[in-house]
Amino acid sequence: MRLKALTIALPLLLGTAACGNTWGERAMTGGAIGAGVGAGVGLLTGGISILGGALIGGAVGAGVGAISGSH
């Protein structure tokens, strides 16, 4: 179940984490998007709490956003 959730969430995070022009903007938008996706995954899968999913998703999204380059 978690692998299925990760398979759905990871492309969403990678595809949208680079929204912004600066390093900080990309980290913030990636974190916000990741938190939303993580909360949704937590809600849908039941394997992790909504808060736990939001925290993990936010951290991953911020990290991906921070390391992504500007377009």
C-alpha atoms as a PDB file:
ATOM      1  CA  MET A   1       0.000   0.000   0.000  1.00  0.00           C
ATOM      2  CA  ARG A   2       2.807   2.435   0.845  1.00  0.00           C
ATOM      3  CA  LEU A   3       4.618   1.627  -2.391  1.00  0.00           C
ATOM      4  CA  LYS A   4       1.458   2.465  -4.311  1.00  0.00           C
ATOM      5  CA  ALA A   5       1.142   5.772  -2.460  1.00  0.00           C
ATOM      6  CA  LEU A   6       4.795   6.602  -3.103  1.00  0.00           C
ATOM      7  CA  THR A   7       4.387   5.731  -6.766  1.00  0.00           C
ATOM      8  CA  ILE A   8       1.566   8.244  -6.980  1.00  0.00           C
ATOM      9  CA  ALA A   9       3.095  10.972  -4.810  1.00  0.00           C
ATOM     10  CA  LEU A  10       6.685  11.026  -6.085  1.00  0.00           C
ATOM     11  CA  PRO A  11       5.927  12.120  -9.668  1.00  0.00           C
ATOM     12  CA  LEU A  12       3.617  14.823  -8.326  1.00  0.00           C
ATOM     13  CA  LEU A  13       6.349  16.109  -6.032  1.00  0.00           C
ATOM     14  CA  LEU A  14       9.024  15.994  -8.694  1.00  0.00           C
ATOM     15  CA  GLY A  15       6.801  17.584 -11.303  1.00  0.00           C
ATOM     16  CA  THR A  16       5.754  20.538  -9.187  1.00  0.00           C
ATOM     17  CA  ALA A  17       8.576  21.115  -6.718  1.00  0.00           C
ATOM     18  CA  ALA A  18      10.459  23.530  -8.954  1.00  0.00           C
ATOM     19  CA  CYS A  19       7.721  26.195  -8.888  1.00  0.00           C
ATOM     20  CA  GLY A  20       9.574  29.418  -8.154  1.00  0.00           C
ATOM     21  CA  ASN A  21      12.510  31.472  -9.280  1.00  0.00           C
ATOM     22  CA  THR A  22      14.747  31.360  -6.241  1.00  0.00           C
ATOM     23  CA  TRP A  23      16.028  28.556  -4.052  1.00  0.00           C
ATOM     24  CA  GLY A  24      13.773  29.656  -1.196  1.00  0.00           C
ATOM     25  CA  GLU A  25      10.660  29.888  -3.364  1.00  0.00           C
ATOM     26  CA  ARG A  26      11.216  26.408  -4.759  1.00  0.00           C
ATOM     27  CA  ALA A  27      11.777  24.986  -1.272  1.00  0.00           C
ATOM     28  CA  MET A  28       8.622  26.671   0.066  1.00  0.00           C
ATOM     29  CA  THR A  29       6.345  25.649  -2.806  1.00  0.00           C
ATOM     30  CA  GLY A  30       7.788  22.143  -2.837  1.00  0.00           C
ATOM     31  CA  GLY A  31       7.205  21.844   0.887  1.00  0.00           C
ATOM     32  CA  ALA A  32       3.633  23.103   0.628  1.00  0.00           C
ATOM     33  CA  ILE A  33       2.792  20.809  -2.265  1.00  0.00           C
ATOM     34  CA  GLY A  34       4.510  17.894  -0.550  1.00  0.00           C
ATOM     35  CA  ALA A  35       2.591  18.485   2.662  1.00  0.00           C
ATOM     36  CA  GLY A  36      -0.688  18.467   0.776  1.00  0.00           C
ATOM     37  CA  VAL A  37       0.166  15.324  -1.153  1.00  0.00           C
ATOM     38  CA  GLY A  38       1.482  13.616   1.970  1.00  0.00           C
ATOM     39  CA  ALA A  39      -1.667  14.432   3.928  1.00  0.00           C
ATOM     40  CA  GLY A  40      -3.770  13.071   1.087  1.00  0.00           C
ATOM     41  CA  VAL A  41      -1.733   9.892   0.905  1.00  0.00           C
ATOM     42  CA  GLY A  42      -2.010   9.480   4.671  1.00  0.00           C
ATOM     43  CA  LEU A  43      -5.757   9.915   4.483  1.00  0.00           C
ATOM     44  CA  LEU A  44      -6.248   7.539   1.570  1.00  0.00           C
ATOM     45  CA  THR A  45      -3.928   4.743   2.617  1.00  0.00           C
ATOM     46  CA  GLY A  46      -4.597   4.675   6.337  1.00  0.00           C
ATOM     47  CA  GLY A  47      -1.092   3.316   6.886  1.00  0.00           C
ATOM     48  CA  ILE A  48       0.142   6.649   8.194  1.00  0.00           C
ATOM     49  CA  SER A  49      -1.684   9.492   9.916  1.00  0.00           C
ATOM     50  CA  ILE A  50      -2.659  12.615   8.032  1.00  0.00           C
ATOM     51  CA  LEU A  51      -0.261  14.690  10.128  1.00  0.00           C
ATOM     52  CA  GLY A  52       2.543  12.175   9.656  1.00  0.00           C
ATOM     53  CA  GLY A  53       1.960  12.143   5.911  1.00  0.00           C
ATOM     54  CA  ALA A  54       1.969  15.935   5.802  1.00  0.00           C
ATOM     55  CA  LEU A  55       5.226  16.142   7.751  1.00  0.00           C
ATOM     56  CA  ILE A  56       6.992  13.548   5.625  1.00  0.00           C
ATOM     57  CA  GLY A  57       5.609  14.943   2.373  1.00  0.00           C
ATOM     58  CA  GLY A  58       6.517  18.479   3.348  1.00  0.00           C
ATOM     59  CA  ALA A  59      10.077  17.525   4.169  1.00  0.00           C
ATOM     60  CA  VAL A  60      10.518  15.569   0.950  1.00  0.00           C
ATOM     61  CA  GLY A  61       8.873  18.293  -1.129  1.00  0.00           C
ATOM     62  CA  ALA A  62      11.017  21.025   0.394  1.00  0.00           C
ATOM     63  CA  GLY A  63      14.142  18.975  -0.213  1.00  0.00           C
ATOM     64  CA  VAL A  64      13.254  18.254  -3.821  1.00  0.00           C
ATOM     65  CA  GLY A  65      12.305  21.884  -4.389  1.00  0.00           C
ATOM     66  CA  ALA A  66      15.543  23.102  -2.859  1.00  0.00           C
ATOM     67  CA  ILE A  67      17.766  20.891  -4.981  1.00  0.00           C
ATOM     68  CA  SER A  68      15.925  21.473  -8.235  1.00  0.00           C
ATOM     69  CA  GLY A  69      17.356  24.048 -10.597  1.00  0.00           C
ATOM     70  CA  SER A  70      15.507  27.011 -12.019  1.00  0.00           C
ATOM     71  CA  HIS A  71      14.109  26.781 -15.527  1.00  0.00           C
END
